[in-house]
Amino acid sequence: MIDIPNFKQCDIKHIVLDYNGTLATDGILLPKIGDLLMILCKQYTLHVITSDTFGSAAKQLEEFDVVLKILKSQDHTQEKADYITSLGSQYCVAIGNGNNDSQMLKTSAIGIAVMGDEGCSTIAMLNSDMVCKKSMDALMLFVQTKRLTATLRC
């Protein structure tokens, strides 16, 4: 349980991550991100949700205990939001950077937009609770939860 004063009390069970632009650049997992995935999968169920533009997500993530969801619909924005809802949005953190991440960021208990090498869409930023420079920073918030509290408390 993460209690963020005057914001909300969060019982986070799932961390839902976009792949390209968030965990990977050009389909290749970012350096050192795997170390954090290994740590976080001991406390949370990790989900990677992606259109898999480069066709590399399964291979890149094979050594990690993550649920990989390849998007199939024509409306990835809605499919991502529906995925969060299916898990129970009150139990989810969503992390992403693109326009198609905007509704999952908004729907989840905590939405975190990340800048990364690809940048971050304005819509994703506006629909998130906070913005981090890098995915490593966003994931570290769930290793060192006082950082999350410091940013989001009112």
Protein backbone atom coordinates (compact mmCIF):
# COMPACT_ATOMS: atom_id res chain seq x y z
CA MET A 1 0.00 0.00 0.00
CA ILE A 2 1.33 3.42 -0.96
CA ASP A 3 -0.29 6.26 0.96
CA ILE A 4 0.14 9.59 -0.80
CA PRO A 5 -1.21 12.34 1.49
CA ASN A 6 -4.11 14.32 0.03
CA PHE A 7 -3.74 12.49 -3.29
CA LYS A 8 -4.79 8.87 -2.80
CA GLN A 9 -4.01 5.61 -1.10
CA CYS A 10 -2.87 3.11 -3.72
CA ASP A 11 -2.91 -0.66 -3.52
CA ILE A 12 -0.77 -1.21 -6.60
CA LYS A 13 -0.63 -4.75 -7.92
CA HIS A 14 0.15 -4.16 -11.61
CA ILE A 15 2.66 -2.00 -13.43
CA VAL A 16 1.65 -1.69 -17.08
CA LEU A 17 4.38 -0.49 -19.41
CA ASP A 18 4.43 0.63 -23.00
CA TYR A 19 7.33 -0.97 -24.89
CA ASN A 20 8.77 1.20 -27.67
CA GLY A 21 9.63 4.66 -26.44
CA THR A 22 9.28 3.56 -22.82
CA LEU A 23 11.21 0.32 -22.20
CA ALA A 24 12.91 0.15 -25.57
CA THR A 25 14.30 2.29 -28.35
CA ASP A 26 13.94 0.98 -31.90
CA GLY A 27 12.74 -2.35 -30.48
CA ILE A 28 15.80 -2.93 -28.27
CA LEU A 29 15.42 -2.97 -24.49
CA LEU A 30 17.10 0.01 -22.84
CA PRO A 31 20.38 -0.66 -21.01
CA LYS A 32 19.96 -1.58 -17.32
CA ILE A 33 16.15 -1.57 -17.51
CA GLY A 34 16.23 -5.35 -17.10
CA ASP A 35 17.78 -5.00 -13.64
CA LEU A 36 14.79 -2.97 -12.49
CA LEU A 37 12.31 -5.35 -14.11
CA MET A 38 13.89 -8.21 -12.13
CA ILE A 39 13.49 -6.27 -8.88
CA LEU A 40 9.95 -5.08 -9.54
CA CYS A 41 8.55 -8.43 -10.67
CA LYS A 42 9.09 -9.71 -7.12
CA GLN A 43 6.54 -7.21 -5.77
CA TYR A 44 4.25 -6.41 -8.72
CA THR A 45 2.85 -8.13 -11.78
CA LEU A 46 4.55 -6.44 -14.72
CA HIS A 47 2.69 -6.10 -18.02
CA VAL A 48 4.19 -4.88 -21.27
CA ILE A 49 1.57 -3.73 -23.76
CA THR A 50 2.72 -2.98 -27.28
CA SER A 51 1.91 -2.96 -30.96
CA ASP A 52 5.41 -4.47 -31.29
CA THR A 53 6.37 -2.23 -34.19
CA PHE A 54 9.77 -3.89 -34.58
CA GLY A 55 8.62 -7.46 -33.82
CA SER A 56 11.22 -7.79 -31.09
CA ALA A 57 9.33 -7.51 -27.78
CA ALA A 58 8.95 -11.25 -27.06
CA LYS A 59 12.65 -11.96 -27.70
CA GLN A 60 13.83 -8.90 -25.75
CA LEU A 61 11.63 -9.74 -22.74
CA GLU A 62 11.97 -13.54 -22.71
CA GLU A 63 14.15 -13.68 -19.58
CA PHE A 64 11.80 -11.52 -17.51
CA ASP A 65 8.66 -12.51 -15.62
CA VAL A 66 6.33 -10.15 -17.48
CA VAL A 67 2.96 -10.52 -19.14
CA LEU A 68 3.35 -9.50 -22.78
CA LYS A 69 0.22 -8.16 -24.47
CA ILE A 70 0.50 -7.59 -28.22
CA LEU A 71 -2.17 -5.16 -29.41
CA LYS A 72 -4.50 -6.47 -32.09
CA SER A 73 -7.22 -3.86 -32.61
CA GLN A 74 -7.29 -0.86 -34.91
CA ASP A 75 -7.62 1.46 -31.88
CA HIS A 76 -4.56 0.93 -29.70
CA THR A 77 -5.44 3.87 -27.45
CA GLN A 78 -8.74 2.28 -26.44
CA GLU A 79 -7.27 -1.24 -26.29
CA LYS A 80 -4.62 -0.07 -23.82
CA ALA A 81 -7.23 1.68 -21.66
CA ASP A 82 -9.45 -1.41 -21.76
CA TYR A 83 -6.52 -3.54 -20.64
CA ILE A 84 -6.04 -1.33 -17.58
CA THR A 85 -9.77 -1.57 -16.82
CA SER A 86 -9.68 -5.37 -17.15
CA LEU A 87 -6.95 -5.54 -14.48
CA GLY A 88 -8.82 -3.18 -12.16
CA SER A 89 -7.66 0.36 -12.81
CA GLN A 90 -7.43 1.11 -9.08
CA TYR A 91 -4.62 -1.48 -8.84
CA CYS A 92 -2.61 -0.23 -11.82
CA VAL A 93 0.25 2.07 -12.57
CA ALA A 94 0.66 2.87 -16.25
CA ILE A 95 3.89 4.16 -17.77
CA GLY A 96 4.15 5.39 -21.35
CA ASN A 97 5.07 8.20 -23.70
CA GLY A 98 2.86 8.17 -26.78
CA ASN A 99 -0.53 9.43 -27.89
CA ASN A 100 -1.80 5.85 -27.75
CA ASP A 101 -0.77 5.66 -24.07
CA SER A 102 -2.82 8.70 -23.07
CA GLN A 103 -6.01 6.92 -22.02
CA MET A 104 -4.23 4.14 -20.12
CA LEU A 105 -2.33 6.84 -18.22
CA LYS A 106 -5.58 8.60 -17.42
CA THR A 107 -7.47 5.40 -16.50
CA SER A 108 -4.89 3.94 -14.11
CA ALA A 109 -4.55 4.77 -10.41
CA ILE A 110 -1.24 6.44 -11.22
CA GLY A 111 -0.20 7.43 -14.74
CA ILE A 112 3.41 8.32 -15.42
CA ALA A 113 4.52 9.84 -18.71
CA VAL A 114 8.18 9.44 -19.65
CA MET A 115 10.22 11.62 -21.98
CA GLY A 116 12.96 9.24 -23.15
CA ASP A 117 14.83 9.44 -26.44
CA GLU A 118 11.61 9.56 -28.49
CA GLY A 119 10.12 12.38 -26.46
CA CYS A 120 6.61 12.37 -25.06
CA SER A 121 3.33 13.40 -26.62
CA THR A 122 1.56 16.37 -25.09
CA ILE A 123 -1.63 14.32 -24.72
CA ALA A 124 0.24 11.65 -22.73
CA MET A 125 1.67 14.33 -20.45
CA LEU A 126 -1.71 15.99 -19.90
CA ASN A 127 -3.35 12.66 -19.04
CA SER A 128 -0.67 11.58 -16.57
CA ASP A 129 -0.26 12.29 -12.87
CA MET A 130 3.43 13.00 -13.27
CA VAL A 131 6.26 13.08 -15.82
CA CYS A 132 9.72 11.52 -15.54
CA LYS A 133 12.74 12.15 -17.73
CA LYS A 134 13.52 8.45 -18.19
CA SER A 135 11.86 5.09 -17.70
CA MET A 136 14.50 4.17 -15.14
CA ASP A 137 13.38 7.15 -13.06
CA ALA A 138 9.72 6.13 -13.35
CA LEU A 139 10.41 2.52 -12.35
CA MET A 140 12.61 3.58 -9.43
CA LEU A 141 9.57 5.31 -7.95
CA PHE A 142 8.27 1.83 -7.09
CA VAL A 143 11.53 0.74 -5.51
CA GLN A 144 11.86 3.98 -3.53
CA THR A 145 8.17 4.86 -3.01
CA LYS A 146 8.90 7.93 -0.89
CA ARG A 147 9.99 9.61 -4.15
CA LEU A 148 6.50 9.01 -5.55
CA THR A 149 4.93 10.38 -2.39
CA ALA A 150 7.16 13.46 -2.44
CA THR A 151 6.02 14.36 -5.96
CA LEU A 152 2.30 13.57 -5.76
CA ARG A 153 1.27 14.61 -2.26
CA CYS A 154 -0.84 17.72 -2.00
